[in-house]
Amino acid sequence: MDVNQPTATTVPQKAPLQGIGGWLIFPVIGLFYMLYQTLMMVLFDINQIKTVWHLVTNVNSDFYVSGFSTAFYSLQAGHGILVLLLIWTFVAALKWQKKAKVLFIISMLLYSLMIIASRFVFPNFFGIEVKYGYMMTVVNSVFYCFIWIPYLLVSDRVKQTFIR
């Protein structure tokens, strides 16, 4: 053996990180949580409003609130768009599409905005009592964004999973 000859050492190669596994499973589980919470918000809002709907939307009523029905329908349309976006994100993630990463981020941000709009802005705008118990939901959704958006932007697993 020649001492001057460089020796070749083989380093075992790691398998590429592909598929929804590791930490990436948590944002996918989060999609189901956000979908569930969004549907519960819609059902809660409808259930809460249906008892006074005829009073606040009837022009001849003493309790009429101008623009209430339009704002409520707009809020529910926003929830509907969020539900469709969450489903689209889940399908894109299952198909490992590149756009899934961007859809994850948009879904998380829109979810946080919809919680703030439906639980704080809408009630405050129309003089409805704001339940500050929802503050924890907002903190959770913002915290979720702070954790998972950077992960989705810099993770090697995410880069190697969403390749199509």
Protein backbone atom coordinates (compact mmCIF):
# COMPACT_ATOMS: atom_id res chain seq x y z
CA MET A 1 0.00 0.00 0.00
CA ASP A 2 1.36 3.36 -1.01
CA VAL A 3 1.45 5.84 1.86
CA ASN A 4 1.21 8.80 -0.51
CA GLN A 5 -2.07 7.58 -1.99
CA PRO A 6 -5.17 9.21 -0.48
CA THR A 7 -7.49 6.73 1.08
CA ALA A 8 -11.15 6.90 0.25
CA THR A 9 -13.47 6.72 3.18
CA THR A 10 -17.10 6.11 2.55
CA VAL A 11 -19.62 8.04 4.53
CA PRO A 12 -22.99 6.36 4.74
CA GLN A 13 -25.57 8.40 2.85
CA LYS A 14 -28.76 9.38 4.59
CA ALA A 15 -32.00 8.62 2.84
CA PRO A 16 -33.64 11.79 1.54
CA LEU A 17 -36.28 13.28 3.79
CA GLN A 18 -39.49 12.74 1.91
CA GLY A 19 -43.07 12.30 2.90
CA ILE A 20 -45.14 13.73 5.66
CA GLY A 21 -43.28 12.58 8.70
CA GLY A 22 -41.16 13.90 11.51
CA TRP A 23 -42.16 17.36 12.65
CA LEU A 24 -44.14 17.92 9.46
CA ILE A 25 -46.94 15.76 10.82
CA PHE A 26 -47.85 18.49 13.33
CA PRO A 27 -48.84 21.14 10.77
CA VAL A 28 -50.92 18.50 9.00
CA ILE A 29 -52.67 17.64 12.27
CA GLY A 30 -53.07 21.39 12.76
CA LEU A 31 -55.01 21.56 9.50
CA PHE A 32 -57.63 19.22 10.97
CA TYR A 33 -57.71 21.24 14.18
CA MET A 34 -58.17 24.51 12.28
CA LEU A 35 -60.91 22.94 10.14
CA TYR A 36 -62.72 21.67 13.23
CA GLN A 37 -62.38 25.01 15.04
CA THR A 38 -63.59 26.96 11.99
CA LEU A 39 -66.66 24.76 11.61
CA MET A 40 -67.39 25.12 15.33
CA MET A 41 -67.07 28.93 15.05
CA VAL A 42 -69.58 28.95 12.18
CA LEU A 43 -72.05 26.75 14.04
CA PHE A 44 -71.63 28.75 17.26
CA ASP A 45 -72.14 32.06 15.45
CA ILE A 46 -75.26 30.84 13.66
CA ASN A 47 -76.69 29.33 16.83
CA GLN A 48 -76.04 32.52 18.78
CA ILE A 49 -77.44 34.88 16.13
CA LYS A 50 -80.54 32.94 15.11
CA THR A 51 -82.47 33.94 18.25
CA VAL A 52 -82.11 37.67 17.59
CA TRP A 53 -81.78 37.67 13.80
CA HIS A 54 -85.32 38.90 13.16
CA LEU A 55 -84.83 41.79 15.60
CA VAL A 56 -81.52 43.13 14.30
CA THR A 57 -82.32 42.76 10.60
CA ASN A 58 -85.91 44.12 10.59
CA VAL A 59 -85.93 47.82 9.72
CA ASN A 60 -89.14 48.35 11.75
CA SER A 61 -87.63 46.80 14.89
CA ASP A 62 -86.38 48.92 17.77
CA PHE A 63 -83.26 46.73 17.80
CA TYR A 64 -82.45 47.13 14.11
CA VAL A 65 -78.70 47.38 13.38
CA SER A 66 -77.77 48.78 10.00
CA GLY A 67 -75.29 46.60 8.10
CA PHE A 68 -75.47 43.72 10.56
CA SER A 69 -76.73 41.12 8.09
CA THR A 70 -74.17 42.11 5.44
CA ALA A 71 -71.32 41.97 7.94
CA PHE A 72 -72.52 38.63 9.33
CA TYR A 73 -72.82 37.09 5.85
CA SER A 74 -69.38 38.45 4.94
CA LEU A 75 -67.91 36.91 8.07
CA GLN A 76 -69.51 33.55 7.29
CA ALA A 77 -68.27 33.78 3.68
CA GLY A 78 -64.78 34.32 5.09
CA HIS A 79 -65.18 31.20 7.19
CA GLY A 80 -66.32 29.31 4.09
CA ILE A 81 -63.27 30.46 2.14
CA LEU A 82 -61.07 29.36 5.04
CA VAL A 83 -62.68 25.90 5.08
CA LEU A 84 -62.09 25.51 1.34
CA LEU A 85 -58.50 26.72 1.73
CA LEU A 86 -57.85 24.24 4.54
CA ILE A 87 -59.20 21.38 2.40
CA TRP A 88 -57.17 22.54 -0.61
CA THR A 89 -54.05 22.71 1.58
CA PHE A 90 -54.60 19.19 2.87
CA VAL A 91 -55.08 17.79 -0.65
CA ALA A 92 -51.98 19.64 -1.89
CA ALA A 93 -49.99 18.24 1.04
CA LEU A 94 -51.11 14.70 0.28
CA LYS A 95 -50.04 15.15 -3.34
CA TRP A 96 -46.69 16.66 -2.22
CA GLN A 97 -47.24 19.75 -4.37
CA LYS A 98 -44.87 22.71 -4.07
CA LYS A 99 -47.78 25.07 -3.46
CA ALA A 100 -48.67 23.18 -0.26
CA LYS A 101 -46.02 25.10 1.68
CA VAL A 102 -47.49 28.46 0.65
CA LEU A 103 -51.02 27.18 1.26
CA PHE A 104 -50.03 26.08 4.78
CA ILE A 105 -48.75 29.56 5.55
CA ILE A 106 -51.77 31.34 4.06
CA SER A 107 -54.13 28.97 5.91
CA MET A 108 -52.48 29.62 9.26
CA LEU A 109 -52.49 33.39 8.80
CA LEU A 110 -56.09 33.49 7.53
CA TYR A 111 -57.20 31.27 10.42
CA SER A 112 -55.66 33.71 12.91
CA LEU A 113 -57.24 36.68 11.16
CA MET A 114 -60.67 35.02 11.08
CA ILE A 115 -60.51 34.32 14.82
CA ILE A 116 -59.65 37.95 15.50
CA ALA A 117 -62.37 39.19 13.13
CA SER A 118 -65.15 36.91 14.35
CA ARG A 119 -64.38 36.99 18.07
CA PHE A 120 -63.22 40.57 18.60
CA VAL A 121 -63.71 42.92 15.63
CA PHE A 122 -67.27 41.90 14.67
CA PRO A 123 -68.67 41.97 18.23
CA ASN A 124 -66.88 45.21 19.05
CA PHE A 125 -68.10 46.89 15.86
CA PHE A 126 -71.75 46.06 16.58
CA GLY A 127 -71.69 46.60 20.32
CA ILE A 128 -71.94 42.93 21.22
CA GLU A 129 -70.27 41.79 24.42
CA VAL A 130 -66.76 40.55 23.69
CA LYS A 131 -65.87 37.37 25.55
CA TYR A 132 -62.22 37.73 26.43
CA GLY A 133 -62.01 33.99 27.06
CA TYR A 134 -61.35 33.77 23.32
CA MET A 135 -58.07 35.58 23.83
CA MET A 136 -56.36 32.23 24.48
CA THR A 137 -57.54 30.97 21.09
CA VAL A 138 -55.95 34.00 19.44
CA VAL A 139 -52.72 33.52 21.40
CA ASN A 140 -52.65 29.83 20.43
CA SER A 141 -53.17 30.55 16.73
CA VAL A 142 -50.52 33.29 16.66
CA PHE A 143 -48.09 31.05 18.57
CA TYR A 144 -48.84 28.27 16.07
CA CYS A 145 -47.92 30.67 13.24
CA PHE A 146 -44.70 31.74 14.97
CA ILE A 147 -43.60 28.12 15.29
CA TRP A 148 -44.66 26.59 12.00
CA ILE A 149 -44.17 29.37 9.44
CA PRO A 150 -40.38 29.51 10.00
CA TYR A 151 -40.28 25.70 10.01
CA LEU A 152 -42.11 25.54 6.69
CA LEU A 153 -39.79 28.15 5.20
CA VAL A 154 -36.43 26.64 6.23
CA SER A 155 -36.95 22.90 6.84
CA ASP A 156 -35.10 20.44 4.60
CA ARG A 157 -37.91 17.93 5.05
CA VAL A 158 -40.44 20.45 3.74
CA LYS A 159 -38.20 21.32 0.80
CA GLN A 160 -37.75 17.66 -0.10
CA THR A 161 -41.38 16.67 0.50
CA PHE A 162 -43.27 19.26 -1.52
CA ILE A 163 -41.49 18.77 -4.83
CA ARG A 164 -44.22 18.33 -7.42
